[in-house]
Protein backbone atom coordinates (compact mmCIF):
# COMPACT_ATOMS: atom_id res chain seq x y z
CA ASP A 1 -280.67 -134.16 -106.99
CA ASP A 2 -279.72 -134.59 -103.05
CA TYR A 3 -276.42 -132.55 -103.20
CA LYS A 4 -274.87 -135.53 -101.06
CA ILE A 5 -271.48 -137.14 -101.33
CA LYS A 6 -271.79 -140.75 -100.42
CA VAL A 7 -269.01 -142.75 -99.78
CA TRP A 8 -269.62 -146.61 -100.26
CA ASN A 9 -267.96 -149.92 -99.59
CA TYR A 10 -268.40 -151.70 -103.05
CA LYS A 11 -267.47 -154.88 -101.62
CA LEU A 12 -270.64 -154.79 -98.75
CA ARG A 13 -272.75 -152.94 -101.29
CA ARG A 14 -273.39 -150.36 -98.58
CA CYS A 15 -273.23 -146.90 -97.97
CA LEU A 16 -270.46 -145.94 -95.09
CA PHE A 17 -271.64 -142.17 -94.66
CA THR A 18 -272.97 -139.10 -96.02
CA LEU A 19 -271.02 -135.79 -96.64
CA LEU A 20 -273.95 -132.53 -96.25
CA GLY A 21 -272.97 -129.22 -97.14
CA HIS A 22 -273.08 -128.42 -100.86
CA LEU A 23 -276.51 -126.69 -102.01
CA ASP A 24 -276.49 -127.67 -106.17
CA TYR A 25 -275.09 -130.49 -108.01
CA ILE A 26 -271.79 -132.14 -107.05
CA ARG A 27 -269.70 -132.19 -110.40
CA THR A 28 -266.90 -134.20 -109.08
CA VAL A 29 -264.83 -135.89 -106.28
CA GLN A 30 -261.59 -136.93 -105.51
CA PHE A 31 -259.55 -138.59 -102.47
CA HIS A 32 -256.17 -137.18 -101.18
CA GLN A 33 -253.45 -139.66 -101.64
CA GLU A 34 -251.64 -138.98 -98.29
CA TYR A 35 -254.37 -136.91 -96.08
CA PRO A 36 -257.72 -138.13 -95.09
CA TRP A 37 -259.41 -135.56 -97.36
CA ILE A 38 -261.80 -135.53 -100.04
CA VAL A 39 -262.48 -132.64 -102.62
CA SER A 40 -265.82 -131.80 -104.25
CA ALA A 41 -266.93 -129.17 -106.93
CA SER A 42 -270.30 -127.92 -107.15
CA ASP A 43 -272.73 -125.92 -109.18
CA ASP A 44 -273.16 -124.00 -106.22
CA GLN A 45 -269.74 -122.22 -107.11
CA THR A 46 -267.72 -123.69 -104.41
CA ILE A 47 -265.10 -126.45 -103.82
CA ARG A 48 -265.51 -127.79 -100.63
CA ILE A 49 -262.53 -129.94 -98.61
CA TRP A 50 -264.01 -132.77 -96.42
CA ASN A 51 -262.45 -134.81 -93.71
CA TRP A 52 -263.39 -138.21 -94.22
CA GLN A 53 -262.34 -139.69 -90.96
CA SER A 54 -264.42 -137.01 -88.80
CA ARG A 55 -267.18 -136.72 -91.58
CA THR A 56 -266.98 -132.88 -92.01
CA CYS A 57 -266.31 -130.08 -93.85
CA ILE A 58 -263.04 -128.60 -92.95
CA SER A 59 -262.54 -125.72 -95.66
CA VAL A 60 -264.91 -123.81 -98.44
CA LEU A 61 -263.29 -122.37 -101.41
CA THR A 62 -264.97 -119.82 -102.61
CA GLY A 63 -264.26 -117.20 -105.74
CA HIS A 64 -265.84 -118.70 -108.84
CA ASN A 65 -269.00 -116.84 -110.30
CA HIS A 66 -270.41 -120.05 -112.36
CA TYR A 67 -270.65 -123.88 -111.61
CA VAL A 68 -267.42 -125.46 -110.73
CA MET A 69 -267.24 -128.34 -113.08
CA CYS A 70 -263.74 -129.86 -111.92
CA ALA A 71 -261.39 -129.87 -108.76
CA SER A 72 -258.31 -131.74 -107.61
CA PHE A 73 -255.59 -132.41 -105.46
CA HIS A 74 -251.98 -131.51 -106.72
CA ILE A 75 -250.02 -134.73 -106.68
CA LYS A 76 -247.12 -133.48 -104.63
CA GLU A 77 -248.07 -129.71 -103.53
CA ASP A 78 -250.55 -128.46 -100.90
CA LEU A 79 -252.86 -127.11 -103.69
CA VAL A 80 -255.95 -127.65 -105.02
CA VAL A 81 -256.55 -126.76 -109.06
CA SER A 82 -260.55 -125.87 -110.02
CA ALA A 83 -262.05 -125.23 -113.22
CA SER A 84 -265.36 -123.45 -113.73
CA LEU A 85 -267.97 -122.41 -116.52
CA ASP A 86 -267.04 -118.56 -115.44
CA GLN A 87 -264.05 -119.43 -118.03
CA THR A 88 -261.56 -119.68 -115.13
CA VAL A 89 -259.01 -122.09 -113.51
CA ARG A 90 -258.05 -121.40 -109.99
CA VAL A 91 -255.07 -122.52 -108.16
CA TRP A 92 -255.82 -122.77 -104.18
CA ASP A 93 -253.04 -122.98 -101.36
CA ILE A 94 -254.32 -125.27 -98.86
CA SER A 95 -250.97 -125.95 -96.88
CA GLY A 96 -252.88 -124.34 -93.65
CA LEU A 97 -254.96 -127.56 -93.71
CA ARG A 98 -252.85 -130.06 -92.83
CA LYS A 99 -252.89 -128.61 -89.12
CA LYS A 100 -257.01 -129.19 -89.40
CA THR A 101 -257.12 -133.25 -90.42
CA VAL A 102 -258.80 -133.70 -87.03
CA SER A 103 -260.82 -131.28 -86.20
CA PRO A 104 -263.47 -129.22 -87.78
CA ALA A 105 -263.47 -125.92 -88.94
CA ASP A 106 -266.24 -123.50 -90.72
CA GLU A 107 -263.30 -121.38 -92.85
CA VAL A 108 -264.00 -119.87 -96.00
CA LEU A 109 -260.95 -118.80 -98.09
CA ARG A 110 -261.21 -116.28 -100.28
CA LEU A 111 -259.13 -115.59 -103.64
CA PRO A 112 -257.67 -112.16 -103.89
CA GLN A 113 -259.66 -110.13 -106.63
């Protein structure tokens, strides 16, 4: 009930850091296989992309009109795919984020209606 993402070292059995920003339950998280990013989906109707090295939110993806149940990085392309209880699946182009892997940003990406 705290709407936080906690990254743990399971061998040490301790929380390494906490990411704050979602305003409701978090449904899923995933690490990017190449960049220092985590994607998260939430009942606050957003998808967030975090830089786990700088421990900042580098992008907030808005456009869903209900809980976002899952979000995942594409394995090869600069895309995130999300699915929501608004009965839509959305594909987000995140190619512009590569230059933001170190510096934080408060950018909001909006999907054209």
